[in-house]
């Protein structure tokens, strides 16, 4: 039986120099900071990591940096999704060869898989290239446009993908999320992927979660999980409210969440630089607005250190 993931998995930002090239020297202190703050894994090269804005060679270099730098106990899951199946298989095989804990894949987003069977066939081909490493389907329909119900996908995929480990569920359909948990029993992970509603996912039965803000505010969410486990629902709700306010503050300064969230990393000691086009870089006054908004929320009390 594959290892179950219980706890917080950060979706790391891709560190970049001012000229937009990869800053791989930042990965080692980044990985150490995540482990130090109670994060159990790193979901590398996903949406937060701007994977589809990177060349394949860059994605492989990023994988190598994370698998080399990860301290004991920090599980590295590499997103290998691509528009080309052969590229996705190549990235999955490379991740396995580098010693990644697991491999994940979004579906292609231009020519989309046809229904559940088409999606399972795509995932099976990518998973086959991962050399037996745990495989996770990355469900994020708001960006991919692939809206297959995971409660229908998982039982079919279980019959065709020997190394299937579960789903990274970054969707808003809590009913489907709950039905997916019911469908998998204790066999698969269904990792909750919306930081601002983590409490809802935990209440429905999630054991693990993948998120962007765990990169810089893991203590906030660990406190939330502890409060819920202790039956302190009001405290857990207050902490989730702080999470929502923090995320809203980042979204308020830019058309995209990522530039502001990436700027926060410098505030916790790991400068990840800016973002790749077409995402908009922040002006200095926007960065200062983020800093001031977080200060009003008491960011110093729950930020990563």
C-alpha atoms as a PDB file:
ATOM      1  CA  UNK A   1       0.000   0.000   0.000  1.00  0.00           C
ATOM      2  CA  UNK A   2       1.331   3.430  -0.930  1.00  0.00           C
ATOM      3  CA  UNK A   3       2.222   5.949   1.742  1.00  0.00           C
ATOM      4  CA  UNK A   4      -0.639   8.284   2.604  1.00  0.00           C
ATOM      5  CA  UNK A   5      -0.016  12.028   2.733  1.00  0.00           C
ATOM      6  CA  UNK A   6      -1.395  13.670   5.862  1.00  0.00           C
ATOM      7  CA  UNK A   7      -0.666  17.333   6.493  1.00  0.00           C
ATOM      8  CA  UNK A   8       0.344  20.344   4.427  1.00  0.00           C
ATOM      9  CA  UNK A   9       2.052  20.079   1.052  1.00  0.00           C
ATOM     10  CA  UNK A  10       3.287  23.421  -0.265  1.00  0.00           C
ATOM     11  CA  UNK A  11       3.069  24.248  -3.966  1.00  0.00           C
ATOM     12  CA  UNK A  12       6.370  26.140  -4.347  1.00  0.00           C
ATOM     13  CA  UNK A  13       6.882  29.229  -6.429  1.00  0.00           C
ATOM     14  CA  UNK A  14       9.624  28.968  -9.026  1.00  0.00           C
ATOM     15  CA  UNK A  15      12.479  31.251  -7.889  1.00  0.00           C
ATOM     16  CA  UNK A  16      13.663  33.607 -10.603  1.00  0.00           C
ATOM     17  CA  UNK A  17      16.385  36.195 -11.066  1.00  0.00           C
ATOM     18  CA  UNK A  18      15.426  39.766 -12.050  1.00  0.00           C
ATOM     19  CA  UNK A  19      16.011  38.872 -15.703  1.00  0.00           C
ATOM     20  CA  UNK A  20      13.497  36.010 -15.495  1.00  0.00           C
ATOM     21  CA  UNK A  21      15.976  33.135 -15.494  1.00  0.00           C
ATOM     22  CA  UNK A  22      15.721  30.392 -12.881  1.00  0.00           C
ATOM     23  CA  UNK A  23      17.335  31.082  -9.519  1.00  0.00           C
ATOM     24  CA  UNK A  24      18.053  27.499  -8.505  1.00  0.00           C
ATOM     25  CA  UNK A  25      20.325  28.588  -5.639  1.00  0.00           C
ATOM     26  CA  UNK A  26      17.177  29.627  -3.767  1.00  0.00           C
ATOM     27  CA  UNK A  27      15.747  26.094  -3.737  1.00  0.00           C
ATOM     28  CA  UNK A  28      17.873  24.657  -0.916  1.00  0.00           C
ATOM     29  CA  UNK A  29      16.999  27.360   1.675  1.00  0.00           C
ATOM     30  CA  UNK A  30      13.412  27.242   0.394  1.00  0.00           C
ATOM     31  CA  UNK A  31      13.124  23.500   1.018  1.00  0.00           C
ATOM     32  CA  UNK A  32      14.720  23.843   4.440  1.00  0.00           C
ATOM     33  CA  UNK A  33      12.281  26.604   5.389  1.00  0.00           C
ATOM     34  CA  UNK A  34       9.264  24.487   4.404  1.00  0.00           C
ATOM     35  CA  UNK A  35      10.477  21.514   6.456  1.00  0.00           C
ATOM     36  CA  UNK A  36      11.254  23.777   9.405  1.00  0.00           C
ATOM     37  CA  UNK A  37       7.659  25.045   9.393  1.00  0.00           C
ATOM     38  CA  UNK A  38       5.980  21.656   9.478  1.00  0.00           C
ATOM     39  CA  UNK A  39       5.265  21.220   5.756  1.00  0.00           C
ATOM     40  CA  UNK A  40       5.447  17.556   4.714  1.00  0.00           C
ATOM     41  CA  UNK A  41       5.862  17.924   0.969  1.00  0.00           C
ATOM     42  CA  UNK A  42       6.497  20.134  -2.041  1.00  0.00           C
ATOM     43  CA  UNK A  43       4.297  19.941  -5.153  1.00  0.00           C
ATOM     44  CA  UNK A  44       6.868  21.258  -7.620  1.00  0.00           C
ATOM     45  CA  UNK A  45       6.113  22.839 -10.984  1.00  0.00           C
ATOM     46  CA  UNK A  46       2.356  23.153 -10.705  1.00  0.00           C
ATOM     47  CA  UNK A  47       0.203  26.223 -11.241  1.00  0.00           C
ATOM     48  CA  UNK A  48       1.936  28.123  -8.458  1.00  0.00           C
ATOM     49  CA  UNK A  49       5.269  27.152  -9.992  1.00  0.00           C
ATOM     50  CA  UNK A  50       4.270  28.641 -13.379  1.00  0.00           C
ATOM     51  CA  UNK A  51       5.065  25.319 -15.032  1.00  0.00           C
ATOM     52  CA  UNK A  52       3.376  26.030 -18.335  1.00  0.00           C
ATOM     53  CA  UNK A  53       5.402  29.247 -18.622  1.00  0.00           C
ATOM     54  CA  UNK A  54       8.653  27.272 -18.342  1.00  0.00           C
ATOM     55  CA  UNK A  55      10.549  25.384 -21.014  1.00  0.00           C
ATOM     56  CA  UNK A  56      10.889  21.629 -20.503  1.00  0.00           C
ATOM     57  CA  UNK A  57      14.603  22.017 -19.846  1.00  0.00           C
ATOM     58  CA  UNK A  58      13.837  24.520 -17.088  1.00  0.00           C
ATOM     59  CA  UNK A  59      11.275  22.204 -15.543  1.00  0.00           C
ATOM     60  CA  UNK A  60      13.831  19.402 -15.442  1.00  0.00           C
ATOM     61  CA  UNK A  61      16.422  21.665 -13.830  1.00  0.00           C
ATOM     62  CA  UNK A  62      13.819  22.679 -11.245  1.00  0.00           C
ATOM     63  CA  UNK A  63      13.054  19.025 -10.531  1.00  0.00           C
ATOM     64  CA  UNK A  64      16.731  18.257 -10.084  1.00  0.00           C
ATOM     65  CA  UNK A  65      17.181  21.190  -7.710  1.00  0.00           C
ATOM     66  CA  UNK A  66      14.240  20.163  -5.512  1.00  0.00           C
ATOM     67  CA  UNK A  67      15.033  16.458  -5.387  1.00  0.00           C
ATOM     68  CA  UNK A  68      18.658  17.266  -4.528  1.00  0.00           C
ATOM     69  CA  UNK A  69      17.779  19.845  -1.868  1.00  0.00           C
ATOM     70  CA  UNK A  70      14.807  18.301  -0.083  1.00  0.00           C
ATOM     71  CA  UNK A  71      15.651  17.375   3.521  1.00  0.00           C
ATOM     72  CA  UNK A  72      14.574  14.029   4.923  1.00  0.00           C
ATOM     73  CA  UNK A  73      10.818  13.911   5.350  1.00  0.00           C
ATOM     74  CA  UNK A  74       9.988  16.517   2.702  1.00  0.00           C
ATOM     75  CA  UNK A  75       8.345  14.564  -0.104  1.00  0.00           C
ATOM     76  CA  UNK A  76       8.821  16.031  -3.571  1.00  0.00           C
ATOM     77  CA  UNK A  77       5.931  15.527  -5.987  1.00  0.00           C
ATOM     78  CA  UNK A  78       6.713  16.761  -9.497  1.00  0.00           C
ATOM     79  CA  UNK A  79       4.018  18.033 -11.821  1.00  0.00           C
ATOM     80  CA  UNK A  80       4.711  16.625 -15.298  1.00  0.00           C
ATOM     81  CA  UNK A  81       1.570  17.792 -17.099  1.00  0.00           C
ATOM     82  CA  UNK A  82       1.993  19.226 -20.603  1.00  0.00           C
ATOM     83  CA  UNK A  83       0.022  19.705 -23.798  1.00  0.00           C
ATOM     84  CA  UNK A  84       2.102  16.988 -25.465  1.00  0.00           C
ATOM     85  CA  UNK A  85       1.731  13.476 -24.097  1.00  0.00           C
ATOM     86  CA  UNK A  86       5.303  12.625 -25.055  1.00  0.00           C
ATOM     87  CA  UNK A  87       6.564  15.684 -23.195  1.00  0.00           C
ATOM     88  CA  UNK A  88       4.518  14.760 -20.131  1.00  0.00           C
ATOM     89  CA  UNK A  89       5.890  11.209 -20.230  1.00  0.00           C
ATOM     90  CA  UNK A  90       9.432  12.514 -20.602  1.00  0.00           C
ATOM     91  CA  UNK A  91       9.011  14.842 -17.607  1.00  0.00           C
ATOM     92  CA  UNK A  92       7.459  12.038 -15.538  1.00  0.00           C
ATOM     93  CA  UNK A  93      10.321   9.682 -16.340  1.00  0.00           C
ATOM     94  CA  UNK A  94      12.869  12.360 -15.530  1.00  0.00           C
ATOM     95  CA  UNK A  95      11.219  13.059 -12.172  1.00  0.00           C
ATOM     96  CA  UNK A  96      11.305   9.364 -11.301  1.00  0.00           C
ATOM     97  CA  UNK A  97      14.967   9.103 -12.319  1.00  0.00           C
ATOM     98  CA  UNK A  98      15.736  12.057 -10.025  1.00  0.00           C
ATOM     99  CA  UNK A  99      14.192  10.240  -7.064  1.00  0.00           C
ATOM    100  CA  UNK A 100      10.984  12.238  -6.707  1.00  0.00           C
ATOM    101  CA  UNK A 101       8.510  10.824  -4.211  1.00  0.00           C
ATOM    102  CA  UNK A 102       5.698  11.116  -6.719  1.00  0.00           C
ATOM    103  CA  UNK A 103       4.557  12.473 -10.072  1.00  0.00           C
ATOM    104  CA  UNK A 104       1.401  14.416 -10.948  1.00  0.00           C
ATOM    105  CA  UNK A 105      -0.259  15.606 -14.128  1.00  0.00           C
ATOM    106  CA  UNK A 106      -2.886  18.047 -15.230  1.00  0.00           C
ATOM    107  CA  UNK A 107      -4.698  17.109 -18.456  1.00  0.00           C
ATOM    108  CA  UNK A 108      -3.947  18.876 -21.725  1.00  0.00           C
ATOM    109  CA  UNK A 109      -5.984  22.070 -21.932  1.00  0.00           C
ATOM    110  CA  UNK A 110      -6.260  22.801 -25.684  1.00  0.00           C
ATOM    111  CA  UNK A 111      -7.260  19.445 -27.161  1.00  0.00           C
ATOM    112  CA  UNK A 112      -9.016  18.068 -24.104  1.00  0.00           C
ATOM    113  CA  UNK A 113      -9.554  14.403 -23.179  1.00  0.00           C
ATOM    114  CA  UNK A 114     -12.988  13.039 -24.074  1.00  0.00           C
ATOM    115  CA  UNK A 115     -14.854  12.239 -20.868  1.00  0.00           C
ATOM    116  CA  UNK A 116     -13.682  10.085 -18.000  1.00  0.00           C
ATOM    117  CA  UNK A 117     -12.354   7.315 -20.240  1.00  0.00           C
ATOM    118  CA  UNK A 118     -10.255   9.744 -22.261  1.00  0.00           C
ATOM    119  CA  UNK A 119      -8.910  11.365 -19.112  1.00  0.00           C
ATOM    120  CA  UNK A 120      -8.010   8.007 -17.573  1.00  0.00           C
ATOM    121  CA  UNK A 121      -6.233   6.970 -20.781  1.00  0.00           C
ATOM    122  CA  UNK A 122      -4.141  10.175 -20.712  1.00  0.00           C
ATOM    123  CA  UNK A 123      -3.251   9.724 -17.051  1.00  0.00           C
ATOM    124  CA  UNK A 124      -2.421   6.054 -17.526  1.00  0.00           C
ATOM    125  CA  UNK A 125       0.090   6.921 -20.233  1.00  0.00           C
ATOM    126  CA  UNK A 126       1.796   9.559 -18.071  1.00  0.00           C
ATOM    127  CA  UNK A 127       1.738   7.369 -14.960  1.00  0.00           C
ATOM    128  CA  UNK A 128       3.289   4.464 -16.867  1.00  0.00           C
ATOM    129  CA  UNK A 129       6.382   6.601 -17.495  1.00  0.00           C
ATOM    130  CA  UNK A 130       6.828   7.348 -13.775  1.00  0.00           C
ATOM    131  CA  UNK A 131       8.572   4.029 -13.072  1.00  0.00           C
ATOM    132  CA  UNK A 132       6.193   2.976 -10.326  1.00  0.00           C
ATOM    133  CA  UNK A 133       6.281   6.260  -8.404  1.00  0.00           C
ATOM    134  CA  UNK A 134       2.961   7.344  -6.855  1.00  0.00           C
ATOM    135  CA  UNK A 135       0.869   9.151  -9.475  1.00  0.00           C
ATOM    136  CA  UNK A 136      -1.614  11.926  -8.682  1.00  0.00           C
ATOM    137  CA  UNK A 137      -4.127  13.415 -11.086  1.00  0.00           C
ATOM    138  CA  UNK A 138      -4.154  17.211 -10.772  1.00  0.00           C
ATOM    139  CA  UNK A 139      -7.794  18.337 -10.948  1.00  0.00           C
ATOM    140  CA  UNK A 140      -8.084  22.097 -11.480  1.00  0.00           C
ATOM    141  CA  UNK A 141     -11.077  22.571 -13.806  1.00  0.00           C
ATOM    142  CA  UNK A 142     -11.223  26.356 -13.420  1.00  0.00           C
ATOM    143  CA  UNK A 143      -7.966  26.585 -15.392  1.00  0.00           C
ATOM    144  CA  UNK A 144      -7.906  23.417 -17.511  1.00  0.00           C
ATOM    145  CA  UNK A 145     -11.557  23.411 -18.564  1.00  0.00           C
ATOM    146  CA  UNK A 146     -11.648  19.651 -17.911  1.00  0.00           C
ATOM    147  CA  UNK A 147     -14.650  19.154 -15.642  1.00  0.00           C
ATOM    148  CA  UNK A 148     -14.854  15.371 -15.219  1.00  0.00           C
ATOM    149  CA  UNK A 149     -16.284  14.406 -11.834  1.00  0.00           C
ATOM    150  CA  UNK A 150     -13.527  12.949  -9.693  1.00  0.00           C
ATOM    151  CA  UNK A 151     -16.022  10.628  -7.999  1.00  0.00           C
ATOM    152  CA  UNK A 152     -16.429   9.003 -11.435  1.00  0.00           C
ATOM    153  CA  UNK A 153     -12.781   9.279 -12.458  1.00  0.00           C
ATOM    154  CA  UNK A 154     -11.165   7.665  -9.438  1.00  0.00           C
ATOM    155  CA  UNK A 155     -12.880   4.231  -9.535  1.00  0.00           C
ATOM    156  CA  UNK A 156     -12.170   3.883 -13.270  1.00  0.00           C
ATOM    157  CA  UNK A 157      -8.571   5.085 -12.906  1.00  0.00           C
ATOM    158  CA  UNK A 158      -8.028   2.647 -10.042  1.00  0.00           C
ATOM    159  CA  UNK A 159      -8.611  -0.250 -12.430  1.00  0.00           C
ATOM    160  CA  UNK A 160      -6.162   1.018 -15.066  1.00  0.00           C
ATOM    161  CA  UNK A 161      -3.336   2.809 -13.248  1.00  0.00           C
ATOM    162  CA  UNK A 162      -1.289   0.511 -11.035  1.00  0.00           C
ATOM    163  CA  UNK A 163       0.646   3.344  -9.379  1.00  0.00           C
ATOM    164  CA  UNK A 164      -2.356   5.636  -8.828  1.00  0.00           C
ATOM    165  CA  UNK A 165      -2.013   7.396  -5.468  1.00  0.00           C
ATOM    166  CA  UNK A 166      -4.903   9.842  -5.636  1.00  0.00           C
ATOM    167  CA  UNK A 167      -6.060  13.265  -6.740  1.00  0.00           C
ATOM    168  CA  UNK A 168      -4.936  16.811  -6.052  1.00  0.00           C
ATOM    169  CA  UNK A 169      -8.407  18.313  -5.872  1.00  0.00           C
ATOM    170  CA  UNK A 170      -8.313  22.035  -6.670  1.00  0.00           C
ATOM    171  CA  UNK A 171     -11.985  22.547  -7.385  1.00  0.00           C
ATOM    172  CA  UNK A 172     -15.014  24.178  -5.853  1.00  0.00           C
ATOM    173  CA  UNK A 173     -17.494  21.283  -6.032  1.00  0.00           C
ATOM    174  CA  UNK A 174     -17.579  20.170  -2.413  1.00  0.00           C
ATOM    175  CA  UNK A 175     -20.232  17.580  -3.155  1.00  0.00           C
ATOM    176  CA  UNK A 176     -17.995  15.907  -5.744  1.00  0.00           C
ATOM    177  CA  UNK A 177     -15.068  16.201  -3.328  1.00  0.00           C
ATOM    178  CA  UNK A 178     -17.076  14.394  -0.657  1.00  0.00           C
ATOM    179  CA  UNK A 179     -18.258  11.740  -3.101  1.00  0.00           C
ATOM    180  CA  UNK A 180     -14.656  11.249  -4.241  1.00  0.00           C
ATOM    181  CA  UNK A 181     -13.590  10.606  -0.654  1.00  0.00           C
ATOM    182  CA  UNK A 182     -16.418   8.087  -0.370  1.00  0.00           C
ATOM    183  CA  UNK A 183     -15.387   6.439  -3.630  1.00  0.00           C
ATOM    184  CA  UNK A 184     -11.783   5.861  -2.619  1.00  0.00           C
ATOM    185  CA  UNK A 185     -12.195   4.723   0.963  1.00  0.00           C
ATOM    186  CA  UNK A 186      -8.752   4.621   2.572  1.00  0.00           C
ATOM    187  CA  UNK A 187      -6.995   3.491  -0.585  1.00  0.00           C
ATOM    188  CA  UNK A 188      -6.208   6.885  -2.188  1.00  0.00           C
ATOM    189  CA  UNK A 189      -5.294  10.403  -1.172  1.00  0.00           C
ATOM    190  CA  UNK A 190      -7.701  13.167  -2.110  1.00  0.00           C
ATOM    191  CA  UNK A 191      -5.573  16.214  -1.369  1.00  0.00           C
ATOM    192  CA  UNK A 192      -7.571  19.384  -0.847  1.00  0.00           C
ATOM    193  CA  UNK A 193      -6.342  22.249  -3.006  1.00  0.00           C
ATOM    194  CA  UNK A 194      -8.122  25.454  -1.932  1.00  0.00           C
ATOM    195  CA  UNK A 195      -6.364  27.210   0.943  1.00  0.00           C
ATOM    196  CA  UNK A 196      -9.205  29.663   1.570  1.00  0.00           C
ATOM    197  CA  UNK A 197     -11.676  26.817   2.270  1.00  0.00           C
ATOM    198  CA  UNK A 198      -9.347  24.266   3.864  1.00  0.00           C
ATOM    199  CA  UNK A 199     -11.642  23.999   6.874  1.00  0.00           C
ATOM    200  CA  UNK A 200     -14.468  22.749   4.654  1.00  0.00           C
ATOM    201  CA  UNK A 201     -12.206  20.130   3.090  1.00  0.00           C
ATOM    202  CA  UNK A 202     -11.017  18.920   6.485  1.00  0.00           C
ATOM    203  CA  UNK A 203     -14.570  18.767   7.808  1.00  0.00           C
ATOM    204  CA  UNK A 204     -15.516  16.551   4.870  1.00  0.00           C
ATOM    205  CA  UNK A 205     -12.620  14.188   5.573  1.00  0.00           C
ATOM    206  CA  UNK A 206      -9.481  15.486   3.848  1.00  0.00           C
ATOM    207  CA  UNK A 207      -6.261  14.368   5.525  1.00  0.00           C
ATOM    208  CA  UNK A 208      -3.827  16.264   3.334  1.00  0.00           C
ATOM    209  CA  UNK A 209      -3.836  19.530   1.443  1.00  0.00           C
ATOM    210  CA  UNK A 210      -1.761  21.225  -1.257  1.00  0.00           C
ATOM    211  CA  UNK A 211      -1.598  25.006  -1.348  1.00  0.00           C
ATOM    212  CA  UNK A 212       0.266  28.147  -2.332  1.00  0.00           C
ATOM    213  CA  UNK A 213       0.003  30.036   0.943  1.00  0.00           C
ATOM    214  CA  UNK A 214       1.562  27.170   2.901  1.00  0.00           C
ATOM    215  CA  UNK A 215       4.795  28.516   1.414  1.00  0.00           C
ATOM    216  CA  UNK A 216       4.689  31.500   3.744  1.00  0.00           C
ATOM    217  CA  UNK A 217       1.904  30.933   6.290  1.00  0.00           C
ATOM    218  CA  UNK A 218       1.994  27.239   7.200  1.00  0.00           C
ATOM    219  CA  UNK A 219       1.729  27.942  10.957  1.00  0.00           C
ATOM    220  CA  UNK A 220      -1.700  29.531  10.407  1.00  0.00           C
ATOM    221  CA  UNK A 221      -3.051  26.375   8.772  1.00  0.00           C
ATOM    222  CA  UNK A 222      -1.394  24.004  11.217  1.00  0.00           C
ATOM    223  CA  UNK A 223      -3.109  25.917  14.026  1.00  0.00           C
ATOM    224  CA  UNK A 224      -6.398  25.591  12.116  1.00  0.00           C
ATOM    225  CA  UNK A 225      -5.956  21.834  11.786  1.00  0.00           C
ATOM    226  CA  UNK A 226      -5.052  21.487  15.442  1.00  0.00           C
ATOM    227  CA  UNK A 227      -8.059  23.548  16.516  1.00  0.00           C
ATOM    228  CA  UNK A 228     -10.439  21.434  14.442  1.00  0.00           C
ATOM    229  CA  UNK A 229      -8.926  18.197  15.766  1.00  0.00           C
ATOM    230  CA  UNK A 230      -9.415  19.505  19.313  1.00  0.00           C
ATOM    231  CA  UNK A 231     -13.074  20.335  18.638  1.00  0.00           C
ATOM    232  CA  UNK A 232     -12.448  24.099  18.803  1.00  0.00           C
ATOM    233  CA  UNK A 233     -14.597  24.952  15.802  1.00  0.00           C
ATOM    234  CA  UNK A 234     -14.904  28.668  16.535  1.00  0.00           C
ATOM    235  CA  UNK A 235     -11.112  28.984  16.701  1.00  0.00           C
ATOM    236  CA  UNK A 236     -10.747  27.058  13.443  1.00  0.00           C
ATOM    237  CA  UNK A 237     -13.290  29.366  11.787  1.00  0.00           C
ATOM    238  CA  UNK A 238     -11.410  32.444  13.005  1.00  0.00           C
ATOM    239  CA  UNK A 239      -8.163  31.102  11.572  1.00  0.00           C
ATOM    240  CA  UNK A 240      -9.841  30.308   8.241  1.00  0.00           C
ATOM    241  CA  UNK A 241     -11.219  33.844   8.194  1.00  0.00           C
ATOM    242  CA  UNK A 242      -7.686  35.179   8.614  1.00  0.00           C
ATOM    243  CA  UNK A 243      -6.592  32.972   5.703  1.00  0.00           C
ATOM    244  CA  UNK A 244      -9.342  34.362   3.476  1.00  0.00           C
ATOM    245  CA  UNK A 245      -8.469  37.921   4.437  1.00  0.00           C
ATOM    246  CA  UNK A 246      -4.805  37.291   3.698  1.00  0.00           C
ATOM    247  CA  UNK A 247      -5.573  35.843   0.273  1.00  0.00           C
ATOM    248  CA  UNK A 248      -7.994  38.669  -0.499  1.00  0.00           C
ATOM    249  CA  UNK A 249      -5.312  41.208   0.420  1.00  0.00           C
ATOM    250  CA  UNK A 250      -2.953  39.656  -2.123  1.00  0.00           C
ATOM    251  CA  UNK A 251      -5.592  39.568  -4.850  1.00  0.00           C
ATOM    252  CA  UNK A 252      -6.553  43.180  -4.228  1.00  0.00           C
ATOM    253  CA  UNK A 253      -3.249  44.586  -5.498  1.00  0.00           C
ATOM    254  CA  UNK A 254      -3.033  42.745  -8.838  1.00  0.00           C
ATOM    255  CA  UNK A 255      -5.136  41.070 -11.511  1.00  0.00           C
ATOM    256  CA  UNK A 256      -3.334  37.850 -10.604  1.00  0.00           C
ATOM    257  CA  UNK A 257      -2.742  36.250  -7.209  1.00  0.00           C
ATOM    258  CA  UNK A 258       0.704  34.915  -8.099  1.00  0.00           C
ATOM    259  CA  UNK A 259       2.754  38.139  -8.409  1.00  0.00           C
ATOM    260  CA  UNK A 260       1.655  39.347  -4.970  1.00  0.00           C
ATOM    261  CA  UNK A 261       2.033  35.924  -3.361  1.00  0.00           C
ATOM    262  CA  UNK A 262       5.491  35.564  -4.838  1.00  0.00           C
ATOM    263  CA  UNK A 263       6.456  38.966  -3.418  1.00  0.00           C
ATOM    264  CA  UNK A 264       5.544  37.717   0.057  1.00  0.00           C
ATOM    265  CA  UNK A 265       8.295  35.114  -0.154  1.00  0.00           C
ATOM    266  CA  UNK A 266      10.947  37.830   0.128  1.00  0.00           C
ATOM    267  CA  UNK A 267       9.224  38.934   3.344  1.00  0.00           C
ATOM    268  CA  UNK A 268       9.820  35.478   4.865  1.00  0.00           C
ATOM    269  CA  UNK A 269      13.437  35.312   3.740  1.00  0.00           C
ATOM    270  CA  UNK A 270      13.314  33.401   0.442  1.00  0.00           C
ATOM    271  CA  UNK A 271      13.332  35.828  -2.475  1.00  0.00           C
ATOM    272  CA  UNK A 272      11.621  34.150  -5.431  1.00  0.00           C
ATOM    273  CA  UNK A 273      11.772  37.187  -7.692  1.00  0.00           C
ATOM    274  CA  UNK A 274       8.969  38.108 -10.035  1.00  0.00           C
ATOM    275  CA  UNK A 275       6.744  36.219 -12.492  1.00  0.00           C
ATOM    276  CA  UNK A 276       6.951  35.221 -16.134  1.00  0.00           C
ATOM    277  CA  UNK A 277       4.874  37.002 -18.787  1.00  0.00           C
ATOM    278  CA  UNK A 278       2.002  37.181 -19.414  1.00  0.00           C
ATOM    279  CA  UNK A 279       1.544  37.553 -15.653  1.00  0.00           C
ATOM    280  CA  UNK A 280       2.057  41.183 -14.588  1.00  0.00           C
ATOM    281  CA  UNK A 281       5.014  42.142 -12.410  1.00  0.00           C
ATOM    282  CA  UNK A 282       4.225  44.226  -9.318  1.00  0.00           C
ATOM    283  CA  UNK A 283       5.289  47.850  -9.023  1.00  0.00           C
ATOM    284  CA  UNK A 284       7.177  48.791  -5.819  1.00  0.00           C
ATOM    285  CA  UNK A 285       4.106  50.571  -4.445  1.00  0.00           C
ATOM    286  CA  UNK A 286       2.051  47.403  -4.912  1.00  0.00           C
ATOM    287  CA  UNK A 287       4.599  45.371  -2.983  1.00  0.00           C
ATOM    288  CA  UNK A 288       4.422  47.925  -0.181  1.00  0.00           C
ATOM    289  CA  UNK A 289       0.623  47.717  -0.230  1.00  0.00           C
ATOM    290  CA  UNK A 290       0.880  43.946   0.246  1.00  0.00           C
ATOM    291  CA  UNK A 291       3.284  44.421   3.139  1.00  0.00           C
ATOM    292  CA  UNK A 292       0.974  46.918   4.856  1.00  0.00           C
ATOM    293  CA  UNK A 293      -2.129  44.768   4.376  1.00  0.00           C
ATOM    294  CA  UNK A 294      -0.421  41.723   5.846  1.00  0.00           C
ATOM    295  CA  UNK A 295       0.891  43.735   8.783  1.00  0.00           C
ATOM    296  CA  UNK A 296      -2.680  44.764   9.635  1.00  0.00           C
ATOM    297  CA  UNK A 297      -3.638  41.070   9.716  1.00  0.00           C
ATOM    298  CA  UNK A 298      -0.832  40.230  12.152  1.00  0.00           C
ATOM    299  CA  UNK A 299       1.232  38.351   9.573  1.00  0.00           C
ATOM    300  CA  UNK A 300       4.282  38.287  11.853  1.00  0.00           C
ATOM    301  CA  UNK A 301       2.362  36.031  14.242  1.00  0.00           C
ATOM    302  CA  UNK A 302       1.685  33.221  11.737  1.00  0.00           C
ATOM    303  CA  UNK A 303       4.263  33.515   8.952  1.00  0.00           C
ATOM    304  CA  UNK A 304       6.895  30.928   8.084  1.00  0.00           C
ATOM    305  CA  UNK A 305      10.307  31.457   9.664  1.00  0.00           C
END
